[in-house]
Amino acid sequence: MTSPYLFQAKAVGASLIVHSLSKHIAGHAQALGGVLINTGLYDWSSYTNILPAYQKGDPLTWGMTQVKKKGLRDMGATLAAEPAHRIAIGAETLALRLDKACANAMALAQMLDSHPLVQQVRYPGLRSHDQHERAGGLFGQRYGTLLSFTLNASLDCIEYLNRLRVPVLATHVGDTRTLALPAAHTIYHEMGAQMREKMGIDDNLIRVSVGIEDTEDLLRDFGQALDGHW
């Protein structure tokens, strides 16, 4: 959810890093891809599951050699030219897009957190979040683009979402466009009510992946959906 722009995983000792290129790095919901990065911090000579055929040269390369042989050769996990091109173009604006989207997410979280019809907002940029200080230290005072909020029990989240005009009602994250969905009715629906309750997923919980739209447009739209009806 952070992309390598916000979080340098090698700095905290990660040996292998997996990124979804489909999310923030590409950023425009038009390409599928992923990447596995070997940071060089792990001695693969101590790993017992490297096939003898791949134990050649510098031991630091053995793990990636096996991944490439098994993943790329045996399973065909290779990007085609078109999605690779789209991802490369999207990556050029990663910093610009995330700076804007993170600023939008903070502004939206603060507005929702102060609204009397919102029961709770979950966003690490808010001081009320139990991981606020840790997130600030790891992500350089940018707190990402994903937030969720729970409407008061007297409201209906589906009706609220239908009143929004700026966001796209979709399941993707890390897009240039703001995306919103009712979590309990979509991505967590199959878990059932008992499991959702155990996980703290309220029926009125809305997940938002914040995009790069004009900040005032976003705040006005999320606000009017609350104030204009109830």
Protein backbone atom coordinates (compact mmCIF):
# COMPACT_ATOMS: atom_id res chain seq x y z
CA MET A 1 0.00 0.00 0.00
CA THR A 2 3.01 2.32 0.26
CA SER A 3 5.09 1.65 -2.86
CA PRO A 4 8.89 2.01 -2.71
CA TYR A 5 8.48 5.78 -2.82
CA LEU A 6 7.05 5.92 0.70
CA PHE A 7 8.80 2.94 2.25
CA GLN A 8 12.33 1.64 1.64
CA ALA A 9 12.02 -1.94 2.90
CA LYS A 10 15.76 -2.63 2.64
CA ALA A 11 16.36 0.00 5.31
CA VAL A 12 14.57 -2.19 7.86
CA GLY A 13 16.37 -5.36 6.84
CA ALA A 14 14.09 -6.92 4.22
CA SER A 15 15.84 -9.50 2.06
CA LEU A 16 13.13 -10.01 -0.56
CA ILE A 17 10.62 -7.33 -1.51
CA VAL A 18 7.41 -7.91 -3.47
CA HIS A 19 5.67 -4.96 -5.13
CA SER A 20 2.42 -4.90 -7.05
CA LEU A 21 3.24 -2.92 -10.16
CA SER A 22 -0.49 -2.75 -10.90
CA LYS A 23 -1.10 -0.38 -8.00
CA HIS A 24 0.73 2.89 -7.31
CA ILE A 25 3.76 2.19 -9.48
CA ALA A 26 1.75 1.95 -12.68
CA GLY A 27 -0.98 4.03 -11.12
CA HIS A 28 -3.60 4.20 -13.85
CA ALA A 29 -5.42 0.84 -13.56
CA GLN A 30 -4.40 -0.21 -17.04
CA ALA A 31 -1.72 -2.87 -16.52
CA LEU A 32 -1.11 -5.98 -14.42
CA GLY A 33 2.35 -6.76 -13.09
CA GLY A 34 4.50 -7.49 -10.09
CA VAL A 35 8.15 -7.44 -9.16
CA LEU A 36 10.39 -9.38 -6.80
CA ILE A 37 13.52 -7.57 -5.58
CA ASN A 38 16.55 -9.21 -3.96
CA THR A 39 18.16 -6.60 -1.72
CA GLY A 40 21.41 -8.55 -1.25
CA LEU A 41 21.00 -8.83 2.52
CA TYR A 42 20.45 -12.60 2.61
CA ASP A 43 23.12 -15.28 2.25
CA TRP A 44 21.46 -17.89 0.07
CA SER A 45 24.23 -20.40 0.77
CA SER A 46 22.50 -20.98 4.14
CA TYR A 47 19.14 -21.69 2.47
CA THR A 48 18.63 -25.43 2.06
CA ASN A 49 16.06 -25.35 -0.77
CA ILE A 50 18.26 -24.02 -3.57
CA LEU A 51 18.66 -26.69 -6.23
CA PRO A 52 22.28 -27.73 -6.87
CA ALA A 53 22.03 -26.56 -10.48
CA TYR A 54 21.54 -22.99 -9.29
CA GLN A 55 24.35 -22.96 -6.73
CA LYS A 56 26.85 -21.28 -9.02
CA GLY A 57 28.71 -18.00 -8.76
CA ASP A 58 28.03 -15.50 -5.97
CA PRO A 59 25.71 -17.08 -3.33
CA LEU A 60 23.89 -13.74 -3.08
CA THR A 61 22.41 -14.43 -6.54
CA TRP A 62 21.32 -18.02 -5.99
CA GLY A 63 17.81 -17.20 -4.75
CA MET A 64 16.92 -14.94 -7.65
CA THR A 65 18.42 -17.39 -10.11
CA GLN A 66 16.07 -20.09 -8.86
CA VAL A 67 13.09 -17.72 -8.86
CA LYS A 68 13.82 -16.71 -12.45
CA LYS A 69 14.28 -20.29 -13.62
CA LYS A 70 11.16 -21.62 -11.93
CA GLY A 71 8.95 -18.56 -12.21
CA LEU A 72 9.90 -17.14 -15.59
CA ARG A 73 10.90 -20.26 -17.49
CA ASP A 74 8.57 -22.87 -15.99
CA MET A 75 5.47 -20.75 -15.34
CA GLY A 76 5.83 -17.92 -17.84
CA ALA A 77 5.66 -15.07 -15.30
CA THR A 78 7.04 -12.55 -17.78
CA LEU A 79 5.55 -9.16 -18.57
CA ALA A 80 4.42 -8.64 -22.13
CA ALA A 81 5.70 -5.55 -23.91
CA GLU A 82 2.48 -3.50 -23.66
CA PRO A 83 1.90 -3.72 -19.87
CA ALA A 84 5.65 -3.27 -19.30
CA HIS A 85 5.51 -0.07 -21.36
CA ARG A 86 2.49 1.24 -19.45
CA ILE A 87 4.08 0.46 -16.09
CA ALA A 88 7.32 2.18 -17.10
CA ILE A 89 5.43 5.33 -18.12
CA GLY A 90 3.40 5.31 -14.91
CA ALA A 91 6.52 4.93 -12.76
CA GLU A 92 7.86 8.22 -14.12
CA THR A 93 5.20 10.15 -12.17
CA LEU A 94 5.12 7.98 -9.04
CA ALA A 95 6.47 10.67 -6.72
CA LEU A 96 4.23 13.40 -8.10
CA ARG A 97 1.12 11.24 -7.85
CA LEU A 98 1.80 9.93 -4.36
CA ASP A 99 2.61 13.35 -2.93
CA LYS A 100 -0.76 14.59 -4.15
CA ALA A 101 -2.74 11.48 -3.22
CA CYS A 102 -1.24 11.32 0.29
CA ALA A 103 -2.06 14.98 0.86
CA ASN A 104 -5.62 14.34 -0.34
CA ALA A 105 -5.94 11.30 1.93
CA MET A 106 -4.83 13.30 4.96
CA ALA A 107 -7.25 16.13 4.20
CA LEU A 108 -10.13 13.71 3.65
CA ALA A 109 -9.36 11.73 6.81
CA GLN A 110 -9.30 14.91 8.88
CA MET A 111 -12.57 16.16 7.41
CA LEU A 112 -14.35 12.85 7.99
CA ASP A 113 -12.88 12.49 11.48
CA SER A 114 -14.44 15.80 12.49
CA HIS A 115 -17.88 15.05 11.05
CA PRO A 116 -20.62 14.15 13.56
CA LEU A 117 -22.15 11.55 11.22
CA VAL A 118 -18.91 9.56 10.99
CA GLN A 119 -18.38 7.08 13.80
CA GLN A 120 -14.71 6.26 13.17
CA VAL A 121 -11.91 6.95 10.70
CA ARG A 122 -8.96 4.61 10.27
CA TYR A 123 -5.94 6.34 8.75
CA PRO A 124 -2.36 6.22 10.11
CA GLY A 125 -1.96 9.94 9.50
CA LEU A 126 -4.42 10.68 12.30
CA ARG A 127 -2.97 10.91 15.79
CA SER A 128 -5.81 8.71 17.02
CA HIS A 129 -4.43 5.78 15.02
CA ASP A 130 -2.52 3.33 17.20
CA GLN A 131 0.31 3.10 14.66
CA HIS A 132 0.56 6.84 13.92
CA GLU A 133 4.07 7.42 15.25
CA ARG A 134 5.44 4.24 13.73
CA ALA A 135 3.93 5.03 10.34
CA GLY A 136 5.40 8.53 10.44
CA GLY A 137 8.85 7.16 11.15
CA LEU A 138 8.74 4.49 8.46
CA PHE A 139 7.00 6.44 5.70
CA GLY A 140 8.60 9.86 6.05
CA GLN A 141 5.51 11.74 7.26
CA ARG A 142 3.45 10.59 4.28
CA TYR A 143 0.83 8.16 5.45
CA GLY A 144 -0.36 6.50 2.28
CA THR A 145 -3.51 6.73 0.23
CA LEU A 146 -5.76 4.13 1.83
CA LEU A 147 -8.28 4.94 4.54
CA SER A 148 -11.58 3.64 5.85
CA PHE A 149 -14.40 5.19 7.77
CA THR A 150 -17.53 3.94 9.49
CA LEU A 151 -20.79 5.85 9.20
CA ASN A 152 -23.11 6.22 12.19
CA ALA A 153 -25.44 3.26 12.63
CA SER A 154 -28.46 5.35 11.64
CA LEU A 155 -27.07 5.79 8.12
CA ASP A 156 -26.84 3.41 5.17
CA CYS A 157 -23.44 3.12 3.51
CA ILE A 158 -24.87 2.01 0.15
CA GLU A 159 -27.11 5.06 -0.05
CA TYR A 160 -24.16 7.22 0.96
CA LEU A 161 -21.91 5.77 -1.76
CA ASN A 162 -24.61 6.27 -4.36
CA ARG A 163 -24.63 9.97 -3.55
CA LEU A 164 -20.92 10.38 -4.28
CA ARG A 165 -20.00 11.87 -7.66
CA VAL A 166 -16.20 12.13 -7.69
CA PRO A 167 -15.06 8.63 -6.61
CA VAL A 168 -15.35 5.51 -8.73
CA LEU A 169 -17.11 2.65 -6.92
CA ALA A 170 -14.53 -0.05 -7.58
CA THR A 171 -12.30 -2.57 -5.78
CA HIS A 172 -8.88 -1.52 -7.08
CA VAL A 173 -6.40 0.56 -5.03
CA GLY A 174 -3.46 2.80 -5.87
CA ASP A 175 -5.17 4.51 -8.80
CA THR A 176 -5.05 8.12 -9.93
CA ARG A 177 -8.80 8.19 -9.29
CA THR A 178 -10.38 7.96 -5.87
CA LEU A 179 -12.07 4.57 -5.41
CA ALA A 180 -14.61 3.62 -2.75
CA LEU A 181 -16.50 0.48 -1.76
CA PRO A 182 -18.63 -0.91 1.09
CA ALA A 183 -16.19 -3.38 2.67
CA ALA A 184 -18.68 -5.68 4.41
CA HIS A 185 -20.80 -6.04 1.28
CA THR A 186 -17.93 -6.76 -1.13
CA ILE A 187 -14.40 -7.86 -0.24
CA TYR A 188 -15.39 -9.32 3.16
CA HIS A 189 -18.87 -10.54 2.27
CA GLU A 190 -18.03 -14.26 2.05
CA MET A 191 -16.56 -14.29 5.56
CA GLY A 192 -20.01 -13.94 7.05
CA ALA A 193 -21.34 -11.59 9.71
CA GLN A 194 -19.81 -13.44 12.67
CA MET A 195 -16.27 -13.34 11.29
CA ARG A 196 -16.64 -9.71 10.19
CA GLU A 197 -17.77 -8.75 13.68
CA LYS A 198 -14.77 -10.55 15.16
CA MET A 199 -12.47 -8.63 12.80
CA GLY A 200 -14.11 -5.30 13.60
CA ILE A 201 -15.60 -4.84 10.12
CA ASP A 202 -18.82 -2.89 10.57
CA ASP A 203 -21.64 -3.11 8.03
CA ASN A 204 -21.21 0.66 7.51
CA LEU A 205 -17.45 0.50 6.89
CA ILE A 206 -16.35 2.21 3.67
CA ARG A 207 -12.87 1.71 2.21
CA VAL A 208 -11.38 4.55 0.17
CA SER A 209 -8.30 4.54 -2.04
CA VAL A 210 -7.63 8.24 -2.48
CA GLY A 211 -6.54 9.63 -5.85
CA ILE A 212 -5.13 12.85 -7.23
CA GLU A 213 -8.31 14.85 -7.82
CA ASP A 214 -8.62 18.44 -6.68
CA THR A 215 -8.64 18.39 -2.88
CA GLU A 216 -11.62 20.70 -2.50
CA ASP A 217 -13.64 18.64 -4.99
CA LEU A 218 -13.05 15.53 -2.89
CA LEU A 219 -13.87 17.18 0.41
CA ARG A 220 -16.97 18.83 -1.00
CA ASP A 221 -18.25 15.59 -2.50
CA PHE A 222 -17.72 13.40 0.56
CA GLY A 223 -19.23 16.18 2.65
CA GLN A 224 -22.30 16.77 0.50
CA ALA A 225 -23.09 13.05 0.55
CA LEU A 226 -23.36 13.39 4.33
CA ASP A 227 -24.81 16.85 4.76
CA GLY A 228 -27.12 16.95 1.76
CA HIS A 229 -29.35 14.07 2.82
CA TRP A 230 -29.36 13.51 6.56
